[in-house]
Amino acid sequence: MSPLHRLSLFSQGKEESVKWRALTEEHARDSFENLLFSVCRFRELTGTYPQNITVVSYDFKEDRFANLHRSAIRFPESRFFYAGTPATSNAKEAALKGEELVRMQFSRDPYGCRGSLYHKKLKRDPFHRSIPYPNGCPEIESLFRYCGPTPYPGALPWP
């Protein structure tokens, strides 16, 4: 067997492994919900909360996810990872400007439950689909309902 053939078999096995470990979450209306709903979806599918979280998104969103959203759900920084991909150069300047505004809004409203962030969420769900969370995550039900400028004060299932 040639080294190239072994490499392709390894790659195929790795992709197959990821396929069975990957999950989707289809109800989030903003980046904070993307993180929170994904944690709940993981709990629904596996019966446990994640030990580690890796977010894959554009590199310019790292600060928002790694600091603002992670802090809002009080997930341990040492177990949170971010893999950023670069935005295309022709769109990057506009994206950075938009990101600065969104980051500022989330710093004032960490849960996106008031003002412009809340209204943006409503516009992203014009058919008023029901969100199935937190039905499968009773341990964090009150986190889903929390709306405040400071971190959620209740107990959480991750240390």
N, C-alpha and C. Protein backbone atom coordinates (compact mmCIF):
# COMPACT_ATOMS: atom_id res chain seq x y z
N MET A 1 0.85 -1.18 0.00
CA MET A 1 0.00 0.00 0.00
C MET A 1 0.89 1.23 0.00
N SER A 2 0.62 2.15 -0.89
CA SER A 2 1.44 3.36 -0.98
C SER A 2 1.13 4.31 0.17
N PRO A 3 2.09 5.18 0.53
CA PRO A 3 1.83 6.16 1.60
C PRO A 3 0.63 7.06 1.27
N LEU A 4 0.46 7.42 0.00
CA LEU A 4 -0.66 8.27 -0.39
C LEU A 4 -1.99 7.55 -0.14
N HIS A 5 -2.03 6.27 -0.45
CA HIS A 5 -3.25 5.50 -0.24
C HIS A 5 -3.59 5.41 1.27
N ARG A 6 -2.58 5.20 2.09
CA ARG A 6 -2.81 5.15 3.54
C ARG A 6 -3.34 6.49 4.05
N LEU A 7 -2.79 7.58 3.52
CA LEU A 7 -3.23 8.90 3.93
C LEU A 7 -4.69 9.11 3.57
N SER A 8 -5.09 8.69 2.37
CA SER A 8 -6.49 8.87 1.98
C SER A 8 -7.41 8.01 2.84
N LEU A 9 -6.96 6.83 3.23
CA LEU A 9 -7.78 6.01 4.12
C LEU A 9 -7.91 6.67 5.49
N PHE A 10 -6.80 7.23 5.96
CA PHE A 10 -6.84 7.92 7.25
C PHE A 10 -7.79 9.10 7.16
N SER A 11 -7.69 9.87 6.07
CA SER A 11 -8.57 11.02 5.90
C SER A 11 -10.01 10.58 5.83
N GLN A 12 -10.27 9.51 5.11
CA GLN A 12 -11.64 9.02 4.99
C GLN A 12 -12.17 8.61 6.36
N GLY A 13 -11.37 7.92 7.12
CA GLY A 13 -11.78 7.52 8.46
C GLY A 13 -12.01 8.71 9.36
N LYS A 14 -11.18 9.71 9.25
CA LYS A 14 -11.31 10.91 10.06
C LYS A 14 -12.61 11.65 9.71
N GLU A 15 -12.89 11.78 8.42
CA GLU A 15 -14.12 12.44 8.01
C GLU A 15 -15.34 11.66 8.49
N GLU A 16 -15.28 10.34 8.37
CA GLU A 16 -16.39 9.52 8.82
C GLU A 16 -16.59 9.69 10.33
N SER A 17 -15.49 9.77 11.07
CA SER A 17 -15.57 9.96 12.51
C SER A 17 -16.24 11.29 12.84
N VAL A 18 -15.87 12.33 12.14
CA VAL A 18 -16.46 13.65 12.38
C VAL A 18 -17.95 13.64 12.03
N LYS A 19 -18.29 12.95 10.97
CA LYS A 19 -19.69 12.89 10.54
C LYS A 19 -20.59 12.43 11.68
N TRP A 20 -20.18 11.46 12.43
CA TRP A 20 -21.01 10.92 13.51
C TRP A 20 -20.92 11.74 14.78
N ARG A 21 -19.93 12.63 14.87
CA ARG A 21 -19.80 13.48 16.06
C ARG A 21 -20.36 14.88 15.84
N ALA A 22 -20.65 15.24 14.60
CA ALA A 22 -21.15 16.58 14.30
C ALA A 22 -22.67 16.63 14.50
N LEU A 23 -23.15 17.78 14.90
CA LEU A 23 -24.58 17.97 15.07
C LEU A 23 -24.97 19.33 14.53
N THR A 24 -26.24 19.51 14.28
CA THR A 24 -26.72 20.79 13.80
C THR A 24 -27.73 21.36 14.78
N GLU A 25 -27.85 22.65 14.74
CA GLU A 25 -28.84 23.37 15.52
C GLU A 25 -29.44 24.38 14.54
N GLU A 26 -30.75 24.34 14.37
CA GLU A 26 -31.37 25.11 13.29
C GLU A 26 -32.33 26.20 13.74
N HIS A 27 -32.33 26.54 15.01
CA HIS A 27 -33.30 27.51 15.50
C HIS A 27 -32.69 28.84 15.95
N ALA A 28 -31.38 28.93 16.07
CA ALA A 28 -30.73 30.15 16.56
C ALA A 28 -30.99 31.33 15.62
N ARG A 29 -31.23 32.48 16.24
CA ARG A 29 -31.48 33.70 15.47
C ARG A 29 -30.36 34.72 15.62
N ASP A 30 -29.39 34.43 16.45
CA ASP A 30 -28.21 35.30 16.58
C ASP A 30 -27.05 34.46 17.11
N SER A 31 -25.91 35.07 17.22
CA SER A 31 -24.70 34.33 17.61
C SER A 31 -24.78 33.81 19.04
N PHE A 32 -25.38 34.58 19.95
CA PHE A 32 -25.51 34.08 21.32
C PHE A 32 -26.39 32.83 21.35
N GLU A 33 -27.53 32.90 20.68
CA GLU A 33 -28.40 31.72 20.63
C GLU A 33 -27.70 30.56 19.93
N ASN A 34 -26.88 30.85 18.97
CA ASN A 34 -26.14 29.79 18.28
C ASN A 34 -25.33 28.98 19.29
N LEU A 35 -24.65 29.67 20.18
CA LEU A 35 -23.85 28.98 21.21
C LEU A 35 -24.76 28.28 22.23
N LEU A 36 -25.69 29.01 22.81
CA LEU A 36 -26.55 28.44 23.85
C LEU A 36 -27.40 27.28 23.32
N PHE A 37 -28.01 27.46 22.18
CA PHE A 37 -28.86 26.40 21.63
C PHE A 37 -28.03 25.18 21.25
N SER A 38 -26.81 25.38 20.78
CA SER A 38 -25.94 24.25 20.43
C SER A 38 -25.58 23.44 21.67
N VAL A 39 -25.34 24.12 22.78
CA VAL A 39 -25.05 23.42 24.04
C VAL A 39 -26.27 22.58 24.44
N CYS A 40 -27.44 23.14 24.30
CA CYS A 40 -28.65 22.40 24.65
C CYS A 40 -28.89 21.25 23.67
N ARG A 41 -28.66 21.50 22.40
CA ARG A 41 -28.84 20.43 21.40
C ARG A 41 -27.90 19.26 21.69
N PHE A 42 -26.66 19.57 22.07
CA PHE A 42 -25.69 18.55 22.45
C PHE A 42 -26.25 17.72 23.61
N ARG A 43 -26.81 18.40 24.60
CA ARG A 43 -27.39 17.72 25.78
C ARG A 43 -28.54 16.81 25.36
N GLU A 44 -29.38 17.30 24.43
CA GLU A 44 -30.50 16.50 23.97
C GLU A 44 -30.04 15.22 23.27
N LEU A 45 -28.98 15.33 22.49
CA LEU A 45 -28.52 14.18 21.70
C LEU A 45 -27.65 13.21 22.49
N THR A 46 -26.91 13.72 23.47
CA THR A 46 -25.96 12.85 24.18
C THR A 46 -26.36 12.54 25.62
N GLY A 47 -27.24 13.34 26.18
CA GLY A 47 -27.63 13.14 27.57
C GLY A 47 -26.73 13.84 28.56
N THR A 48 -25.66 14.48 28.08
CA THR A 48 -24.75 15.23 28.94
C THR A 48 -24.41 16.57 28.29
N TYR A 49 -23.90 17.47 29.09
CA TYR A 49 -23.45 18.75 28.56
C TYR A 49 -22.02 18.60 28.07
N PRO A 50 -21.59 19.41 27.12
CA PRO A 50 -20.23 19.26 26.58
C PRO A 50 -19.16 19.58 27.62
N GLN A 51 -18.08 18.81 27.55
CA GLN A 51 -16.91 19.10 28.38
C GLN A 51 -16.10 20.25 27.78
N ASN A 52 -16.07 20.28 26.46
CA ASN A 52 -15.34 21.32 25.72
C ASN A 52 -16.26 21.85 24.63
N ILE A 53 -16.03 23.08 24.24
CA ILE A 53 -16.76 23.68 23.13
C ILE A 53 -15.75 24.27 22.16
N THR A 54 -15.92 23.94 20.88
CA THR A 54 -15.13 24.56 19.83
C THR A 54 -16.09 25.23 18.87
N VAL A 55 -15.91 26.52 18.67
CA VAL A 55 -16.72 27.28 17.73
C VAL A 55 -15.88 27.50 16.48
N VAL A 56 -16.47 27.26 15.32
CA VAL A 56 -15.82 27.53 14.05
C VAL A 56 -16.62 28.61 13.35
N SER A 57 -15.97 29.74 13.09
CA SER A 57 -16.64 30.85 12.44
C SER A 57 -15.57 31.78 11.89
N TYR A 58 -15.99 32.92 11.37
CA TYR A 58 -15.02 33.89 10.86
C TYR A 58 -14.10 34.37 11.97
N ASP A 59 -12.84 34.60 11.61
CA ASP A 59 -11.86 35.00 12.61
C ASP A 59 -12.22 36.30 13.32
N PHE A 60 -12.88 37.23 12.64
CA PHE A 60 -13.19 38.51 13.26
C PHE A 60 -14.29 38.41 14.33
N LYS A 61 -14.95 37.26 14.44
CA LYS A 61 -15.99 37.07 15.46
C LYS A 61 -15.46 36.43 16.74
N GLU A 62 -14.18 36.13 16.77
CA GLU A 62 -13.62 35.40 17.91
C GLU A 62 -13.86 36.10 19.24
N ASP A 63 -13.60 37.39 19.31
CA ASP A 63 -13.76 38.11 20.58
C ASP A 63 -15.20 38.01 21.09
N ARG A 64 -16.15 38.14 20.18
CA ARG A 64 -17.56 38.07 20.58
C ARG A 64 -17.89 36.70 21.18
N PHE A 65 -17.49 35.63 20.50
CA PHE A 65 -17.81 34.29 21.00
C PHE A 65 -16.98 33.93 22.23
N ALA A 66 -15.68 34.13 22.14
CA ALA A 66 -14.78 33.67 23.20
C ALA A 66 -14.91 34.48 24.48
N ASN A 67 -15.28 35.73 24.36
CA ASN A 67 -15.37 36.55 25.57
C ASN A 67 -16.81 36.88 25.95
N LEU A 68 -17.57 37.45 25.04
CA LEU A 68 -18.93 37.88 25.41
C LEU A 68 -19.89 36.70 25.59
N HIS A 69 -20.04 35.88 24.56
CA HIS A 69 -21.02 34.79 24.64
C HIS A 69 -20.60 33.70 25.62
N ARG A 70 -19.34 33.33 25.60
CA ARG A 70 -18.85 32.31 26.55
C ARG A 70 -19.04 32.80 27.98
N SER A 71 -18.73 34.06 28.23
CA SER A 71 -18.90 34.62 29.57
C SER A 71 -20.36 34.67 29.98
N ALA A 72 -21.25 34.96 29.03
CA ALA A 72 -22.68 35.05 29.35
C ALA A 72 -23.23 33.71 29.84
N ILE A 73 -22.70 32.60 29.29
CA ILE A 73 -23.17 31.29 29.77
C ILE A 73 -22.23 30.73 30.84
N ARG A 74 -21.21 31.51 31.18
CA ARG A 74 -20.22 31.17 32.21
C ARG A 74 -19.54 29.82 31.95
N PHE A 75 -19.26 29.54 30.68
CA PHE A 75 -18.54 28.31 30.35
C PHE A 75 -17.06 28.56 30.61
N PRO A 76 -16.35 27.59 31.19
CA PRO A 76 -14.94 27.78 31.53
C PRO A 76 -14.07 28.14 30.31
N GLU A 77 -13.31 29.19 30.45
CA GLU A 77 -12.44 29.66 29.37
C GLU A 77 -11.44 28.59 28.94
N SER A 78 -10.94 27.81 29.88
CA SER A 78 -9.93 26.80 29.56
C SER A 78 -10.47 25.65 28.71
N ARG A 79 -11.79 25.54 28.60
CA ARG A 79 -12.40 24.45 27.82
C ARG A 79 -13.17 24.97 26.60
N PHE A 80 -12.92 26.23 26.27
CA PHE A 80 -13.58 26.87 25.13
C PHE A 80 -12.53 27.18 24.07
N PHE A 81 -12.78 26.74 22.85
CA PHE A 81 -11.82 26.92 21.77
C PHE A 81 -12.50 27.58 20.58
N TYR A 82 -11.72 28.30 19.83
CA TYR A 82 -12.27 29.01 18.66
C TYR A 82 -11.35 28.76 17.48
N ALA A 83 -11.94 28.34 16.38
CA ALA A 83 -11.20 28.14 15.13
C ALA A 83 -11.74 29.14 14.12
N GLY A 84 -10.95 30.16 13.84
CA GLY A 84 -11.40 31.21 12.93
C GLY A 84 -10.95 30.99 11.50
N THR A 85 -11.84 31.33 10.59
CA THR A 85 -11.50 31.28 9.17
C THR A 85 -11.53 32.72 8.65
N PRO A 86 -10.63 33.06 7.76
CA PRO A 86 -10.58 34.45 7.28
C PRO A 86 -11.76 34.78 6.36
N ALA A 87 -12.22 36.02 6.48
CA ALA A 87 -13.26 36.52 5.57
C ALA A 87 -12.57 36.91 4.26
N THR A 88 -13.33 36.91 3.18
CA THR A 88 -12.74 37.33 1.91
C THR A 88 -12.35 38.80 2.01
N SER A 89 -11.28 39.16 1.37
CA SER A 89 -10.71 40.50 1.52
C SER A 89 -11.66 41.60 1.06
N ASN A 90 -12.47 41.37 0.03
CA ASN A 90 -13.35 42.43 -0.46
C ASN A 90 -14.52 42.71 0.49
N ALA A 91 -14.84 41.82 1.37
CA ALA A 91 -15.95 42.03 2.30
C ALA A 91 -15.46 42.29 3.73
N LYS A 92 -14.18 42.16 3.96
CA LYS A 92 -13.67 42.20 5.33
C LYS A 92 -13.86 43.55 6.02
N GLU A 93 -13.64 44.64 5.31
CA GLU A 93 -13.76 45.96 5.93
C GLU A 93 -15.18 46.22 6.44
N ALA A 94 -16.17 45.93 5.61
CA ALA A 94 -17.57 46.10 6.03
C ALA A 94 -17.90 45.15 7.17
N ALA A 95 -17.40 43.93 7.10
CA ALA A 95 -17.67 42.95 8.15
C ALA A 95 -17.08 43.40 9.48
N LEU A 96 -15.87 43.94 9.45
CA LEU A 96 -15.24 44.41 10.69
C LEU A 96 -16.02 45.57 11.31
N LYS A 97 -16.52 46.46 10.48
CA LYS A 97 -17.33 47.58 10.98
C LYS A 97 -18.62 47.06 11.63
N GLY A 98 -19.28 46.14 10.95
CA GLY A 98 -20.50 45.54 11.49
C GLY A 98 -20.23 44.78 12.77
N GLU A 99 -19.11 44.06 12.80
CA GLU A 99 -18.75 43.28 13.99
C GLU A 99 -18.52 44.18 15.19
N GLU A 100 -17.91 45.33 14.97
CA GLU A 100 -17.66 46.27 16.06
C GLU A 100 -18.98 46.73 16.68
N LEU A 101 -19.96 47.02 15.85
CA LEU A 101 -21.27 47.43 16.34
C LEU A 101 -21.96 46.30 17.10
N VAL A 102 -21.97 45.10 16.54
CA VAL A 102 -22.62 43.97 17.19
C VAL A 102 -21.95 43.64 18.51
N ARG A 103 -20.62 43.68 18.53
CA ARG A 103 -19.88 43.39 19.76
C ARG A 103 -20.24 44.42 20.85
N MET A 104 -20.36 45.68 20.46
CA MET A 104 -20.74 46.72 21.42
C MET A 104 -22.16 46.47 21.95
N GLN A 105 -23.07 46.07 21.06
CA GLN A 105 -24.44 45.79 21.49
C GLN A 105 -24.49 44.62 22.47
N PHE A 106 -23.76 43.55 22.16
CA PHE A 106 -23.75 42.40 23.06
C PHE A 106 -23.02 42.71 24.37
N SER A 107 -22.09 43.62 24.37
CA SER A 107 -21.42 43.97 25.63
C SER A 107 -22.39 44.68 26.57
N ARG A 108 -23.37 45.39 26.02
CA ARG A 108 -24.39 46.06 26.85
C ARG A 108 -25.58 45.14 27.14
N ASP A 109 -25.85 44.21 26.23
CA ASP A 109 -27.00 43.31 26.34
C ASP A 109 -26.53 41.88 26.05
N PRO A 110 -25.83 41.26 27.01
CA PRO A 110 -25.17 39.97 26.76
C PRO A 110 -26.09 38.84 26.27
N TYR A 111 -27.36 38.92 26.58
CA TYR A 111 -28.29 37.85 26.22
C TYR A 111 -29.15 38.21 25.01
N GLY A 112 -28.92 39.39 24.44
CA GLY A 112 -29.64 39.81 23.25
C GLY A 112 -31.14 39.83 23.44
N CYS A 113 -31.58 40.24 24.63
CA CYS A 113 -33.00 40.14 24.96
C CYS A 113 -33.70 41.49 25.06
N ARG A 114 -33.01 42.55 24.68
CA ARG A 114 -33.61 43.89 24.74
C ARG A 114 -33.19 44.68 23.51
N GLY A 115 -33.87 45.76 23.26
CA GLY A 115 -33.46 46.73 22.25
C GLY A 115 -33.24 46.18 20.86
N SER A 116 -32.22 46.71 20.21
CA SER A 116 -31.97 46.38 18.80
C SER A 116 -31.63 44.91 18.57
N LEU A 117 -30.91 44.28 19.49
CA LEU A 117 -30.60 42.86 19.32
C LEU A 117 -31.87 42.01 19.38
N TYR A 118 -32.76 42.35 20.28
CA TYR A 118 -34.01 41.61 20.39
C TYR A 118 -34.87 41.79 19.14
N HIS A 119 -34.95 43.02 18.65
CA HIS A 119 -35.76 43.28 17.45
C HIS A 119 -35.17 42.61 16.22
N LYS A 120 -33.85 42.55 16.16
CA LYS A 120 -33.20 41.85 15.04
C LYS A 120 -33.56 40.36 15.08
N LYS A 121 -33.59 39.79 16.29
CA LYS A 121 -33.99 38.38 16.44
C LYS A 121 -35.40 38.15 15.91
N LEU A 122 -36.30 39.03 16.28
CA LEU A 122 -37.69 38.88 15.84
C LEU A 122 -37.79 38.93 14.31
N LYS A 123 -37.03 39.80 13.69
CA LYS A 123 -37.04 39.90 12.22
C LYS A 123 -36.47 38.65 11.56
N ARG A 124 -35.59 37.95 12.25
CA ARG A 124 -34.99 36.74 11.69
C ARG A 124 -35.90 35.53 11.83
N ASP A 125 -37.06 35.72 12.40
CA ASP A 125 -38.02 34.64 12.56
C ASP A 125 -39.41 35.14 12.14
N PRO A 126 -39.56 35.50 10.86
CA PRO A 126 -40.82 36.11 10.41
C PRO A 126 -42.03 35.18 10.52
N PHE A 127 -41.81 33.88 10.57
CA PHE A 127 -42.92 32.93 10.66
C PHE A 127 -43.19 32.50 12.10
N HIS A 128 -42.48 33.11 13.04
CA HIS A 128 -42.66 32.83 14.47
C HIS A 128 -42.62 31.34 14.77
N ARG A 129 -41.56 30.71 14.25
CA ARG A 129 -41.38 29.27 14.53
C ARG A 129 -41.19 29.09 16.02
N SER A 130 -41.67 28.00 16.54
CA SER A 130 -41.46 27.74 17.95
C SER A 130 -40.04 27.21 18.15
N ILE A 131 -39.43 27.64 19.22
CA ILE A 131 -38.08 27.21 19.55
C ILE A 131 -38.21 26.08 20.57
N PRO A 132 -37.65 24.92 20.28
CA PRO A 132 -37.87 23.76 21.15
C PRO A 132 -37.09 23.77 22.46
N TYR A 133 -36.29 24.78 22.66
CA TYR A 133 -35.46 24.83 23.86
C TYR A 133 -36.15 25.67 24.92
N PRO A 134 -35.92 25.38 26.13
CA PRO A 134 -34.97 24.46 26.74
C PRO A 134 -35.57 23.12 27.12
N ASN A 135 -36.59 22.66 26.43
CA ASN A 135 -37.27 21.41 26.82
C ASN A 135 -36.33 20.27 27.15
N GLY A 136 -35.28 20.06 26.35
CA GLY A 136 -34.37 18.95 26.59
C GLY A 136 -33.23 19.28 27.54
N CYS A 137 -33.28 20.47 28.16
CA CYS A 137 -32.18 20.92 29.02
C CYS A 137 -32.72 21.53 30.32
N PRO A 138 -33.37 20.73 31.15
CA PRO A 138 -33.99 21.30 32.35
C PRO A 138 -33.00 21.96 33.30
N GLU A 139 -31.74 21.53 33.28
CA GLU A 139 -30.75 22.09 34.20
C GLU A 139 -30.42 23.55 33.88
N ILE A 140 -30.67 23.98 32.65
CA ILE A 140 -30.35 25.37 32.29
C ILE A 140 -31.59 26.14 31.82
N GLU A 141 -32.76 25.65 32.19
CA GLU A 141 -34.00 26.30 31.78
C GLU A 141 -34.03 27.78 32.18
N SER A 142 -33.61 28.11 33.38
CA SER A 142 -33.66 29.51 33.83
C SER A 142 -32.63 30.38 33.08
N LEU A 143 -31.56 29.79 32.57
CA LEU A 143 -30.60 30.55 31.76
C LEU A 143 -31.28 31.02 30.46
N PHE A 144 -32.12 30.19 29.89
CA PHE A 144 -32.85 30.56 28.68
C PHE A 144 -33.78 31.75 28.93
N ARG A 145 -34.28 31.87 30.12
CA ARG A 145 -35.24 32.93 30.44
C ARG A 145 -34.58 34.18 31.00
N TYR A 146 -33.32 34.11 31.30
CA TYR A 146 -32.62 35.22 31.94
C TYR A 146 -32.40 36.37 30.95
N CYS A 147 -32.64 37.57 31.44
CA CYS A 147 -32.40 38.77 30.65
C CYS A 147 -31.84 39.82 31.61
N GLY A 148 -30.59 40.13 31.45
CA GLY A 148 -29.99 41.13 32.32
C GLY A 148 -28.63 41.57 31.78
N PRO A 149 -28.13 42.68 32.29
CA PRO A 149 -26.84 43.20 31.82
C PRO A 149 -25.63 42.53 32.48
N THR A 150 -25.88 41.71 33.50
CA THR A 150 -24.79 41.02 34.20
C THR A 150 -24.91 39.52 33.97
N PRO A 151 -23.84 38.78 34.20
CA PRO A 151 -23.89 37.33 33.97
C PRO A 151 -24.99 36.65 34.79
N TYR A 152 -25.55 35.62 34.20
CA TYR A 152 -26.57 34.80 34.85
C TYR A 152 -26.06 34.35 36.22
N PRO A 153 -26.83 34.59 37.29
CA PRO A 153 -26.35 34.26 38.64
C PRO A 153 -26.66 32.86 39.13
N GLY A 154 -27.46 32.10 38.42
CA GLY A 154 -27.89 30.78 38.90
C GLY A 154 -26.85 29.70 38.70
N ALA A 155 -27.18 28.53 39.19
CA ALA A 155 -26.30 27.36 39.07
C ALA A 155 -26.30 26.86 37.62
N LEU A 156 -25.16 26.35 37.18
CA LEU A 156 -25.03 25.79 35.85
C LEU A 156 -24.37 24.42 35.95
N PRO A 157 -24.64 23.52 35.01
CA PRO A 157 -24.13 22.16 35.10
C PRO A 157 -22.66 21.98 34.73
N TRP A 158 -21.97 23.02 34.35
CA TRP A 158 -20.54 22.90 34.06
C TRP A 158 -19.77 23.68 35.12
N PRO A 159 -18.69 23.07 35.60
CA PRO A 159 -17.89 23.74 36.66
C PRO A 159 -17.08 24.90 36.12
